C-alpha atoms as a PDB file:
ATOM      1  CA  SER A   1     -35.670 159.267 106.067  1.00  0.00           C
ATOM      2  CA  VAL A   2     -36.377 162.972 105.966  1.00  0.00           C
ATOM      3  CA  ARG A   3     -34.529 163.759 109.230  1.00  0.00           C
ATOM      4  CA  GLY A   4     -32.445 166.931 108.759  1.00  0.00           C
ATOM      5  CA  LYS A   5     -33.517 167.389 105.120  1.00  0.00           C
ATOM      6  CA  ASP A   6     -35.473 170.136 103.241  1.00  0.00           C
ATOM      7  CA  VAL A   7     -38.859 168.620 102.156  1.00  0.00           C
ATOM      8  CA  TYR A   8     -40.904 170.041  99.381  1.00  0.00           C
ATOM      9  CA  ILE A   9     -44.584 169.050  99.278  1.00  0.00           C
ATOM     10  CA  LEU A  10     -46.187 169.624  95.878  1.00  0.00           C
ATOM     11  CA  GLN A  11     -49.960 169.879  96.100  1.00  0.00           C
ATOM     12  CA  THR A  12     -52.063 169.703  92.968  1.00  0.00           C
ATOM     13  CA  ALA A  13     -55.682 170.847  92.479  1.00  0.00           C
ATOM     14  CA  ALA A  14     -58.623 168.395  92.725  1.00  0.00           C
ATOM     15  CA  SER A  15     -62.297 168.670  92.869  1.00  0.00           C
ATOM     16  CA  ASN A  16     -62.569 168.119  96.738  1.00  0.00           C
ATOM     17  CA  VAL A  17     -60.724 171.141  98.303  1.00  0.00           C
ATOM     18  CA  ASN A  18     -61.129 169.922 101.835  1.00  0.00           C
ATOM     19  CA  ASP A  19     -59.467 166.655 101.136  1.00  0.00           C
ATOM     20  CA  ILE A  20     -56.605 168.504  99.523  1.00  0.00           C
ATOM     21  CA  ILE A  21     -56.079 170.673 102.604  1.00  0.00           C
ATOM     22  CA  MET A  22     -56.214 167.653 104.939  1.00  0.00           C
ATOM     23  CA  GLU A  23     -53.662 165.665 102.914  1.00  0.00           C
ATOM     24  CA  LEU A  24     -51.427 168.638 102.837  1.00  0.00           C
ATOM     25  CA  LEU A  25     -51.545 169.231 106.642  1.00  0.00           C
ATOM     26  CA  ILE A  26     -51.126 165.510 107.330  1.00  0.00           C
ATOM     27  CA  MET A  27     -48.027 165.293 105.112  1.00  0.00           C
ATOM     28  CA  ALA A  28     -46.529 168.442 106.632  1.00  0.00           C
ATOM     29  CA  TYR A  29     -47.131 167.371 110.133  1.00  0.00           C
ATOM     30  CA  ALA A  30     -45.627 163.876 109.399  1.00  0.00           C
ATOM     31  CA  CYS A  31     -42.518 165.612 108.170  1.00  0.00           C
ATOM     32  CA  LYS A  32     -42.435 167.957 111.151  1.00  0.00           C
ATOM     33  CA  THR A  33     -42.636 165.053 113.623  1.00  0.00           C
ATOM     34  CA  SER A  34     -39.867 163.270 111.684  1.00  0.00           C
ATOM     35  CA  ASN A  35     -37.515 166.220 112.417  1.00  0.00           C
ATOM     36  CA  CYS A  36     -36.938 167.468 108.862  1.00  0.00           C
ATOM     37  CA  LYS A  37     -35.024 170.684 108.464  1.00  0.00           C
ATOM     38  CA  ASN A  38     -37.593 172.776 106.492  1.00  0.00           C
ATOM     39  CA  ILE A  39     -41.034 172.105 104.954  1.00  0.00           C
ATOM     40  CA  ILE A  40     -41.718 174.009 101.785  1.00  0.00           C
ATOM     41  CA  GLY A  41     -45.229 173.740 100.283  1.00  0.00           C
ATOM     42  CA  VAL A  42     -45.687 174.364  96.574  1.00  0.00           C
ATOM     43  CA  LEU A  43     -49.354 175.132  96.216  1.00  0.00           C
ATOM     44  CA  PRO A  44     -50.128 176.349  92.556  1.00  0.00           C
ATOM     45  CA  CYS A  45     -53.872 176.465  93.545  1.00  0.00           C
ATOM     46  CA  LEU A  46     -54.101 177.795  97.092  1.00  0.00           C
ATOM     47  CA  PRO A  47     -57.433 176.557  98.568  1.00  0.00           C
ATOM     48  CA  TYR A  48     -59.879 179.339  99.579  1.00  0.00           C
ATOM     49  CA  SER A  49     -57.679 182.101  98.215  1.00  0.00           C
ATOM     50  CA  GLN A  50     -60.415 183.591  96.049  1.00  0.00           C
ATOM     51  CA  GLN A  51     -63.076 184.093  98.768  1.00  0.00           C
ATOM     52  CA  THR A  52     -62.391 187.763  99.393  1.00  0.00           C
ATOM     53  CA  LYS A  53     -66.145 188.799 100.084  1.00  0.00           C
ATOM     54  CA  MET A  54     -65.437 189.902 103.783  1.00  0.00           C
ATOM     55  CA  ARG A  55     -64.403 193.445 103.388  1.00  0.00           C
ATOM     56  CA  ARG A  56     -63.749 194.368 107.034  1.00  0.00           C
ATOM     57  CA  ARG A  57     -61.943 191.244 108.334  1.00  0.00           C
ATOM     58  CA  GLY A  58     -60.424 189.931 105.278  1.00  0.00           C
ATOM     59  CA  ASN A  59     -60.679 186.451 103.947  1.00  0.00           C
ATOM     60  CA  ILE A  60     -61.577 184.458 107.133  1.00  0.00           C
ATOM     61  CA  SER A  61     -61.262 180.987 105.457  1.00  0.00           C
ATOM     62  CA  LEU A  62     -57.867 181.559 103.944  1.00  0.00           C
ATOM     63  CA  ARG A  63     -56.562 183.004 107.269  1.00  0.00           C
ATOM     64  CA  LEU A  64     -57.600 179.809 108.885  1.00  0.00           C
ATOM     65  CA  VAL A  65     -55.887 177.704 106.152  1.00  0.00           C
ATOM     66  CA  ALA A  66     -52.768 179.719 106.580  1.00  0.00           C
ATOM     67  CA  GLU A  67     -52.718 179.354 110.277  1.00  0.00           C
ATOM     68  CA  MET A  68     -53.214 175.590 109.950  1.00  0.00           C
ATOM     69  CA  CYS A  69     -50.364 175.314 107.466  1.00  0.00           C
ATOM     70  CA  VAL A  70     -47.994 177.128 109.686  1.00  0.00           C
ATOM     71  CA  LYS A  71     -49.046 174.970 112.789  1.00  0.00           C
ATOM     72  CA  ALA A  72     -48.591 171.700 110.706  1.00  0.00           C
ATOM     73  CA  GLY A  73     -44.822 172.732 110.080  1.00  0.00           C
ATOM     74  CA  PHE A  74     -44.519 174.682 106.890  1.00  0.00           C
ATOM     75  CA  ALA A  75     -41.668 177.161 106.938  1.00  0.00           C
ATOM     76  CA  HIS A  76     -42.208 178.410 103.343  1.00  0.00           C
ATOM     77  CA  ILE A  77     -45.264 178.460 101.085  1.00  0.00           C
ATOM     78  CA  ILE A  78     -44.978 179.063  97.242  1.00  0.00           C
ATOM     79  CA  THR A  79     -48.091 179.825  95.235  1.00  0.00           C
ATOM     80  CA  VAL A  80     -48.863 180.891  91.701  1.00  0.00           C
ATOM     81  CA  ASP A  81     -51.133 183.956  90.945  1.00  0.00           C
ATOM     82  CA  LEU A  82     -52.893 184.718  94.092  1.00  0.00           C
ATOM     83  CA  HIS A  83     -56.312 186.238  93.863  1.00  0.00           C
ATOM     84  CA  SER A  84     -55.206 189.242  96.042  1.00  0.00           C
ATOM     85  CA  LYS A  85     -51.773 190.387  97.319  1.00  0.00           C
ATOM     86  CA  GLU A  86     -53.245 190.856 100.817  1.00  0.00           C
ATOM     87  CA  SER A  87     -53.601 187.162 101.112  1.00  0.00           C
ATOM     88  CA  GLN A  88     -49.835 186.776 101.579  1.00  0.00           C
ATOM     89  CA  GLY A  89     -50.121 188.671 104.820  1.00  0.00           C
ATOM     90  CA  PHE A  90     -52.220 185.809 106.531  1.00  0.00           C
ATOM     91  CA  PHE A  91     -49.081 183.494 106.559  1.00  0.00           C
ATOM     92  CA  SER A  92     -46.665 183.905 109.446  1.00  0.00           C
ATOM     93  CA  CYS A  93     -44.087 181.904 107.497  1.00  0.00           C
ATOM     94  CA  ARG A  94     -42.232 182.875 104.248  1.00  0.00           C
ATOM     95  CA  MET A  95     -44.609 183.322 101.345  1.00  0.00           C
ATOM     96  CA  ASP A  96     -43.780 183.625  97.665  1.00  0.00           C
ATOM     97  CA  ASN A  97     -46.269 184.365  95.002  1.00  0.00           C
ATOM     98  CA  LEU A  98     -45.056 183.452  91.527  1.00  0.00           C
ATOM     99  CA  ARG A  99     -46.642 185.156  88.429  1.00  0.00           C
ATOM    100  CA  ALA A 100     -47.503 183.018  85.470  1.00  0.00           C
ATOM    101  CA  SER A 101     -48.250 185.930  83.147  1.00  0.00           C
ATOM    102  CA  PRO A 102     -44.656 186.230  81.695  1.00  0.00           C
ATOM    103  CA  PHE A 103     -44.692 182.629  80.641  1.00  0.00           C
ATOM    104  CA  PHE A 104     -48.263 182.846  79.326  1.00  0.00           C
ATOM    105  CA  LEU A 105     -47.325 186.054  77.292  1.00  0.00           C
ATOM    106  CA  GLN A 106     -44.265 184.277  75.907  1.00  0.00           C
ATOM    107  CA  TYR A 107     -46.325 181.346  74.921  1.00  0.00           C
ATOM    108  CA  ILE A 108     -48.789 183.519  73.091  1.00  0.00           C
ATOM    109  CA  VAL A 109     -46.197 185.475  71.173  1.00  0.00           C
ATOM    110  CA  GLU A 110     -44.190 182.395  70.167  1.00  0.00           C
ATOM    111  CA  SER A 111     -46.994 179.785  69.573  1.00  0.00           C
ATOM    112  CA  ILE A 112     -50.062 181.583  68.193  1.00  0.00           C
ATOM    113  CA  PRO A 113     -49.715 182.740  64.604  1.00  0.00           C
ATOM    114  CA  CYS A 114     -51.241 186.213  63.961  1.00  0.00           C
ATOM    115  CA  TYR A 115     -51.880 186.833  67.625  1.00  0.00           C
ATOM    116  CA  ASN A 116     -52.002 190.522  66.662  1.00  0.00           C
ATOM    117  CA  ASN A 117     -55.530 189.994  65.232  1.00  0.00           C
ATOM    118  CA  ALA A 118     -56.816 188.827  68.603  1.00  0.00           C
ATOM    119  CA  VAL A 119     -58.708 190.588  71.384  1.00  0.00           C
ATOM    120  CA  ILE A 120     -58.271 189.917  75.199  1.00  0.00           C
ATOM    121  CA  VAL A 121     -61.614 189.304  76.744  1.00  0.00           C
ATOM    122  CA  ALA A 122     -62.397 189.949  80.479  1.00  0.00           C
ATOM    123  CA  LYS A 123     -65.179 187.631  81.762  1.00  0.00           C
ATOM    124  CA  SER A 124     -66.542 190.425  84.078  1.00  0.00           C
ATOM    125  CA  PRO A 125     -65.763 194.033  84.934  1.00  0.00           C
ATOM    126  CA  ILE A 126     -63.955 192.792  88.042  1.00  0.00           C
ATOM    127  CA  SER A 127     -61.451 190.955  85.987  1.00  0.00           C
ATOM    128  CA  ALA A 128     -60.877 193.740  83.482  1.00  0.00           C
ATOM    129  CA  ARG A 129     -57.753 195.032  85.300  1.00  0.00           C
ATOM    130  CA  ARG A 130     -55.805 191.821  84.675  1.00  0.00           C
ATOM    131  CA  ALA A 131     -57.077 191.604  81.197  1.00  0.00           C
ATOM    132  CA  THR A 132     -56.036 195.184  80.453  1.00  0.00           C
ATOM    133  CA  SER A 133     -52.568 194.514  81.800  1.00  0.00           C
ATOM    134  CA  LEU A 134     -52.205 191.542  79.426  1.00  0.00           C
ATOM    135  CA  ALA A 135     -53.707 193.549  76.438  1.00  0.00           C
ATOM    136  CA  ASP A 136     -51.297 196.382  77.030  1.00  0.00           C
ATOM    137  CA  ARG A 137     -48.294 194.165  77.063  1.00  0.00           C
ATOM    138  CA  LEU A 138     -49.422 192.398  73.895  1.00  0.00           C
ATOM    139  CA  ARG A 139     -50.613 195.553  72.253  1.00  0.00           C
ATOM    140  CA  LEU A 140     -54.097 194.214  71.697  1.00  0.00           C
ATOM    141  CA  GLY A 141     -57.619 195.435  72.198  1.00  0.00           C
ATOM    142  CA  ILE A 142     -59.769 194.482  75.111  1.00  0.00           C
ATOM    143  CA  ALA A 143     -63.453 193.452  75.549  1.00  0.00           C
ATOM    144  CA  VAL A 144     -65.332 193.160  78.806  1.00  0.00           C
ATOM    145  CA  ILE A 145     -68.495 190.932  79.123  1.00  0.00           C
ATOM    146  CA  HIS A 146     -71.050 192.774  81.171  1.00  0.00           C
ATOM    147  CA  GLY A 147     -73.818 190.720  82.616  1.00  0.00           C
ATOM    148  CA  GLU A 148     -75.552 189.572  85.769  1.00  0.00           C
ATOM    149  CA  SER A 149     -73.560 187.460  88.138  1.00  0.00           C
ATOM    150  CA  LYS A 150     -74.623 184.122  89.554  1.00  0.00           C
ATOM    151  CA  GLU A 151     -75.113 185.815  92.980  1.00  0.00           C
ATOM    152  CA  ASP A 152     -77.638 188.093  91.333  1.00  0.00           C
ATOM    153  CA  ASP A 153     -79.500 185.161  90.035  1.00  0.00           C
ATOM    154  CA  GLU A 154     -79.712 183.482  93.503  1.00  0.00           C
ATOM    155  CA  ARG A 155     -80.806 186.585  95.150  1.00  0.00           C
ATOM    156  CA  ASN A 156     -83.595 187.095  92.585  1.00  0.00           C
ATOM    157  CA  GLU A 157     -85.010 183.527  92.793  1.00  0.00           C
ATOM    158  CA  ASP A 158     -87.388 184.507  95.652  1.00  0.00           C
ATOM    159  CA  ASP A 159     -88.876 187.460  93.773  1.00  0.00           C
ATOM    160  CA  GLY A 160     -90.881 185.282  91.510  1.00  0.00           C
ATOM    161  CA  ARG A 161     -89.009 185.669  88.271  1.00  0.00           C
ATOM    162  CA  ALA A 162     -87.848 182.095  88.381  1.00  0.00           C
ATOM    163  CA  SER A 163     -91.126 180.497  89.124  1.00  0.00           C
ATOM    164  CA  PRO A 164     -94.067 179.879  86.720  1.00  0.00           C
ATOM    165  CA  PRO A 165     -96.791 182.458  86.569  1.00  0.00           C
ATOM    166  CA  PRO A 166     -99.539 182.020  89.326  1.00  0.00           C
ATOM    167  CA  MET A 167    -102.578 180.234  88.200  1.00  0.00           C
ATOM    168  CA  GLU A 168    -105.890 182.160  88.423  1.00  0.00           C
ATOM    169  CA  GLU A 169    -108.258 180.760  90.900  1.00  0.00           C
ATOM    170  CA  GLN A 170    -111.495 179.572  89.418  1.00  0.00           C
ATOM    171  CA  ASN A 171    -114.526 179.971  91.519  1.00  0.00           C
ATOM    172  CA  PRO A 172    -116.518 176.727  91.578  1.00  0.00           C
ATOM    173  CA  MET A 173    -119.742 178.591  92.472  1.00  0.00           C
ATOM    174  CA  GLN A 174    -120.025 180.136  89.073  1.00  0.00           C
END
């Protein structure tokens, strides 16, 4: 029985994010209705935390997930490396964001021989700030990959570049 106890719900990542959210909410609600003392969610991969495209109103989908988690009964949420610090403000319960970079840096220094000859590579200009932080702490160089994003490719599909060239009409009267 969980009555009067602190319950920790550990949620791992999977391919179907919506199933993860529903399982998490159902488990939390079951604990809440069983009168447990506190429900603490440990979510290393917080669903919908990277969708920060809406500039004015914030991340609407993460805000909804946060509200559902609190309604389900969570008193405390623990995450790892949130995409943006502002995401913590969506939760009306206690929220802790743990950083994995100290452990990652320690692993590199202790486990990779001659790591001093490496270069930290950022996959896009947007991720260059985090890569620069890692490179500075390891005293390494940095490289940034600059290219078109997938969003650009999707927007350009209707301009004709992705389709085969139009065929010339042949006039049958000639």
